Protein backbone atom coordinates (compact mmCIF):
# COMPACT_ATOMS: atom_id res chain seq x y z
CA MET A 1 0.00 0.00 0.00
CA ASP A 2 1.27 3.41 -0.93
CA HIS A 3 1.83 5.73 2.01
CA LYS A 4 -0.37 8.29 0.30
CA ASP A 5 -3.36 5.93 0.71
CA LEU A 6 -3.03 5.87 4.48
CA PRO A 7 -5.39 7.99 6.56
CA PRO A 8 -3.85 11.22 7.79
CA GLN A 9 -2.28 11.18 11.22
CA LYS A 10 -3.59 13.33 14.01
CA PRO A 11 -1.37 16.42 14.39
CA ILE A 12 1.24 15.64 17.02
CA ASN A 13 1.04 19.02 18.70
CA SER A 14 -2.66 18.45 19.41
CA VAL A 15 -2.23 15.21 21.32
CA PRO A 16 -3.69 15.73 24.80
CA GLY A 17 -2.15 14.76 28.07
CA VAL A 18 1.38 13.58 27.43
CA LYS A 19 1.89 13.97 31.17
CA ASP A 20 -1.04 11.60 31.73
CA LEU A 21 1.47 8.84 31.14
CA LEU A 22 2.45 9.45 34.76
CA GLY A 23 -1.05 9.44 36.15
CA LYS A 24 -4.34 8.04 34.90
CA THR A 25 -4.72 4.37 34.10
CA VAL A 26 -5.15 3.78 30.40
CA ASP A 27 -8.68 3.09 29.19
CA THR A 28 -8.03 0.07 27.00
CA SER A 29 -11.63 -0.76 26.12
CA ALA A 30 -11.10 0.37 22.54
CA LYS A 31 -8.16 -0.64 20.37
CA ILE A 32 -5.49 -0.87 23.04
CA VAL A 33 -5.91 -4.13 24.93
CA GLN A 34 -4.43 -4.20 28.42
CA HIS A 35 -2.80 -7.53 29.15
CA PRO A 36 -3.50 -9.52 32.31
CA ALA A 37 0.14 -9.24 33.30
CA ALA A 38 -0.13 -5.44 33.59
CA SER A 39 1.85 -4.16 36.55
CA GLY A 40 3.44 -0.94 37.70
CA GLN A 41 6.54 -2.83 38.78
CA GLN A 42 9.51 -3.50 36.54
CA SER A 43 8.95 -6.64 34.47
CA LEU A 44 11.63 -9.29 34.12
CA ASN A 45 11.94 -12.19 31.71
CA ASP A 46 13.24 -15.63 32.70
CA SER A 47 16.86 -14.53 32.31
CA GLY A 48 16.35 -11.46 34.54
CA GLU A 49 16.38 -9.01 31.61
CA SER A 50 14.36 -5.88 32.36
CA ARG A 51 11.22 -5.11 30.36
CA LEU A 52 8.99 -2.06 30.34
CA PRO A 53 6.11 -2.75 32.80
CA GLN A 54 2.93 -3.70 30.98
CA VAL A 55 0.91 -0.83 32.43
CA LEU A 56 3.41 1.70 31.03
CA LEU A 57 3.60 -0.17 27.73
CA ASP A 58 -0.21 0.03 27.37
CA LYS A 59 -0.22 3.75 28.17
CA LEU A 60 2.58 4.38 25.68
CA TRP A 61 0.70 2.41 23.00
CA LEU A 62 -2.40 4.53 23.52
CA LYS A 63 -0.44 7.80 23.24
CA MET A 64 1.44 6.66 20.14
CA SER A 65 -1.84 5.54 18.54
CA GLU A 66 -3.35 8.98 19.27
CA MET A 67 -0.30 10.70 17.80
CA TYR A 68 0.30 8.57 14.71
CA GLY A 69 -2.91 6.64 14.09
CA HIS A 70 -2.60 3.95 11.42
CA ARG A 71 1.08 4.80 10.93
CA TRP A 72 1.71 3.41 14.41
CA THR A 73 -0.59 0.39 14.48
CA SER A 74 0.39 -0.75 10.98
CA SER A 75 4.06 -0.68 11.96
CA PHE A 76 3.95 -2.05 15.51
CA GLY A 77 0.48 -3.54 16.03
CA GLU A 78 -2.61 -2.49 17.96
CA SER A 79 -1.27 -3.81 21.28
CA ALA A 80 1.94 -5.17 22.76
CA ASP A 81 2.97 -7.71 25.36
CA GLN A 82 6.23 -8.37 27.19
CA ASP A 83 7.69 -10.21 24.19
CA HIS A 84 7.36 -7.15 21.94
CA SER A 85 10.64 -5.48 20.93
CA TRP A 86 9.48 -2.15 22.39
CA ALA A 87 9.01 -3.75 25.82
CA LYS A 88 12.56 -5.09 25.64
CA ILE A 89 14.26 -1.98 24.27
CA LEU A 90 12.49 0.39 26.67
CA GLY A 91 13.19 -1.81 29.69
CA GLY A 92 14.28 0.13 32.78
CA LEU A 93 12.61 3.42 31.79
CA THR A 94 10.18 5.21 34.10
CA GLY A 95 6.89 6.92 33.33
CA ARG A 96 8.61 10.29 33.72
CA GLN A 97 11.22 9.34 31.13
CA LEU A 98 8.58 8.07 28.69
CA ALA A 99 6.72 11.37 29.07
CA ALA A 100 9.97 13.20 28.28
CA GLY A 101 10.35 11.12 25.12
CA LEU A 102 6.80 11.90 24.01
CA GLN A 103 7.43 15.58 24.64
CA GLN A 104 10.52 15.35 22.42
CA LEU A 105 8.33 13.89 19.64
CA ILE A 106 5.94 16.83 19.97
CA GLU A 107 8.74 19.40 19.87
CA ARG A 108 10.43 17.67 16.90
CA ALA A 109 7.24 16.84 15.00
CA ALA A 110 8.73 17.96 11.68
CA GLU A 111 11.41 15.26 11.97
CA PHE A 112 9.00 12.48 12.87
CA ASP A 113 6.15 12.32 10.38
CA TRP A 114 6.35 8.57 11.02
CA PRO A 115 6.95 7.03 14.46
CA PRO A 116 10.61 6.51 15.35
CA PRO A 117 12.22 3.11 15.97
CA ALA A 118 12.32 2.00 19.60
CA ASN A 119 16.04 2.70 20.10
CA ALA A 120 15.65 6.26 18.80
CA PHE A 121 12.68 6.83 21.10
CA ARG A 122 14.66 5.48 24.06
CA ALA A 123 17.39 8.03 23.34
CA MET A 124 14.75 10.79 23.38
CA CYS A 125 13.44 9.53 26.72
CA LEU A 126 16.93 9.80 28.20
CA HIS A 127 17.72 13.18 26.65
CA VAL A 128 18.67 15.88 29.16
CA GLU A 129 18.65 19.45 27.86
CA GLY A 130 22.09 21.05 27.83
CA LEU A 131 24.01 17.92 28.81
CA PRO A 132 27.16 17.85 26.62
CA PRO A 133 28.45 14.63 25.00
CA ILE A 134 31.39 12.89 26.66
CA ASP A 135 34.10 14.30 24.36
CA ARG A 136 33.03 17.90 25.00
CA ALA A 137 32.53 17.23 28.71
CA TRP A 138 36.09 15.85 28.89
CA HIS A 139 37.60 18.99 27.40
CA GLU A 140 35.49 21.18 29.69
CA ALA A 141 36.74 19.18 32.67
CA LEU A 142 40.36 19.67 31.56
CA LEU A 143 39.81 23.43 31.22
CA GLY A 144 37.78 23.73 34.42
CA LYS A 145 34.95 25.51 32.56
CA TYR A 146 31.63 23.68 32.80
CA SER A 147 28.57 24.17 30.60
CA HIS A 148 26.47 21.91 32.82
CA GLU A 149 26.42 21.06 36.51
CA ALA A 150 26.85 17.37 35.64
CA VAL A 151 30.30 18.07 34.18
CA ARG A 152 31.40 19.86 37.34
CA VAL A 153 30.21 17.02 39.59
CA ALA A 154 31.98 14.40 37.46
CA ALA A 155 35.15 16.51 37.33
CA GLU A 156 35.25 16.94 41.10
CA ALA A 157 34.70 13.21 41.60
CA THR A 158 37.62 12.53 39.25
CA GLY A 159 39.89 15.17 40.80
CA THR A 160 40.11 18.71 39.49
CA PHE A 161 43.83 18.99 40.33
CA ASP A 162 44.65 15.91 38.24
CA LEU A 163 42.45 17.15 35.42
CA ARG A 164 44.04 20.60 35.29
CA SER A 165 47.51 19.09 34.97
CA ALA A 166 46.49 16.33 32.53
CA LYS A 167 46.62 16.13 28.76
CA SER A 168 43.64 15.28 26.59
CA THR A 169 45.42 12.04 25.64
CA ASP A 170 45.58 10.77 29.25
CA LYS A 171 43.69 7.51 28.71
CA ALA A 172 43.54 6.33 32.33
CA LEU A 173 42.19 9.64 33.63
CA PHE A 174 39.72 9.89 30.75
CA GLN A 175 38.32 6.44 31.59
CA GLN A 176 37.89 7.48 35.21
CA PHE A 177 36.11 10.70 34.20
CA GLU A 178 33.99 8.85 31.64
CA ARG A 179 32.75 6.45 34.33
CA ASN A 180 31.95 9.28 36.75
CA TYR A 181 30.21 11.30 34.04
CA ALA A 182 28.06 8.29 33.06
CA ILE A 183 26.93 7.95 36.69
CA VAL A 184 26.01 11.65 36.90
CA GLN A 185 24.24 11.44 33.52
CA ARG A 186 22.04 8.65 34.84
CA ARG A 187 21.19 10.80 37.85
CA ALA A 188 20.19 13.65 35.52
CA GLN A 189 18.08 11.33 33.35
CA ASN A 190 16.26 10.04 36.43
CA ALA A 191 15.72 13.58 37.79
CA GLN A 192 17.86 12.75 40.83
CA PRO A 193 20.25 15.13 42.63
CA LEU A 194 23.46 15.32 40.64
CA ASP A 195 25.77 15.90 43.58
CA GLY A 196 26.69 13.11 45.92
CA LYS A 197 29.46 10.65 46.57
CA ILE A 198 30.49 8.41 43.69
CA ALA A 199 31.89 5.08 44.84
CA GLN A 200 35.44 4.30 43.78
CA GLY A 201 35.53 2.06 40.75
CA ILE A 202 36.21 -1.63 41.30
CA GLU A 203 38.64 -1.55 38.41
CA HIS A 204 40.66 1.15 40.18
CA GLU A 205 40.88 -0.88 43.40
CA SER A 206 41.72 -4.10 41.60
CA GLY A 207 44.40 -2.26 39.61
CA MET A 208 46.06 -1.07 42.82
CA LYS A 209 45.99 -4.60 44.22
CA ALA A 210 47.50 -6.00 41.05
CA GLN A 211 50.29 -3.41 41.13
CA LEU A 212 51.04 -4.23 44.78
CA ALA A 213 51.12 -7.96 44.02
CA ARG A 214 53.58 -7.35 41.17
CA SER A 215 55.83 -5.34 43.50
CA HIS A 216 55.86 -8.15 46.05
CA GLN A 217 56.65 -10.70 43.35
CA GLU A 218 59.52 -8.57 42.04
CA ALA A 219 60.95 -8.36 45.56
CA ARG A 220 60.72 -12.13 45.96
CA ASP A 221 62.40 -12.64 42.59
CA LEU A 222 65.23 -10.29 43.59
CA VAL A 223 65.80 -12.18 46.85
CA ALA A 224 65.88 -15.49 45.01
CA ALA A 225 68.29 -14.19 42.36
CA GLN A 226 70.80 -13.09 45.02
CA ASN A 227 70.49 -16.38 46.94
CA ILE A 228 69.37 -14.56 50.09
CA PRO A 229 67.78 -16.96 52.58
CA THR A 230 64.13 -16.34 53.29
CA ASP A 231 64.40 -17.76 56.80
CA PRO A 232 65.08 -14.86 59.25
CA LYS A 233 67.74 -16.73 61.27
CA ALA A 234 69.58 -17.89 58.18
CA ALA A 235 69.46 -14.39 56.67
CA ARG A 236 70.90 -12.88 59.90
CA ALA A 237 73.70 -15.46 59.98
CA LEU A 238 74.58 -14.70 56.36
CA LEU A 239 74.66 -10.96 57.02
CA LEU A 240 76.95 -11.38 60.07
CA ALA A 241 79.27 -13.64 58.08
CA LYS A 242 79.54 -11.08 55.25
CA LEU A 243 80.41 -8.41 57.83
CA GLY A 244 82.99 -10.67 59.48
CA ILE A 245 81.20 -10.69 62.78
CA ARG A 246 81.26 -13.87 64.80
CA ARG A 247 78.65 -14.38 67.46
CA PRO A 248 78.53 -17.33 69.88
CA ALA A 249 75.91 -19.87 68.95
């Protein structure tokens, strides 16, 4: 069927109640069928993989159907269950984040005459206004000039003194900043306070332990190469003999 033959979609900017995704239960008596497994809690499959809760999936389906009409249902179906790709790809998102994604669709209506794929919609749900990408955030952290509070928090967690004296090619420091920035980004996406302690990375701790273990092994290798006894009494006797000191037994 030619796209021209499809019924016109309802104008996106006229869709009522995007914020209703956070509140009212969806009336599914019409096209959108609410599944028995509907729940406000995070859904999990047998392997423990997160899925979008059915109640949020039903609400999203209703909103998308209002916004895109046949363009939505012909592409993704009139209803969805936990095996649908959208339930899998949107797993872990909250109602607030879904509402943010729908708002992005309204504001960017000219770009989305047809509904976006699930991964693109997920990115819109997680979009935070003014949050710079990691490469720009890294350079801001090195310069100590921050365009967003999230960059400052991540920079302070990494160490502003180390950042000021570092080069942009410092791989180890970049990885540390990248981890901290990802944590702060998640806080921003979940509308949580950005500031707060960031736990030291396991990889950093394990790296220190590995370095210490190597140092101990190098010391043991040096002792063995010089034939120094590891027994304390034998080592003391050898030292006294080298110094020409005789002690009674």
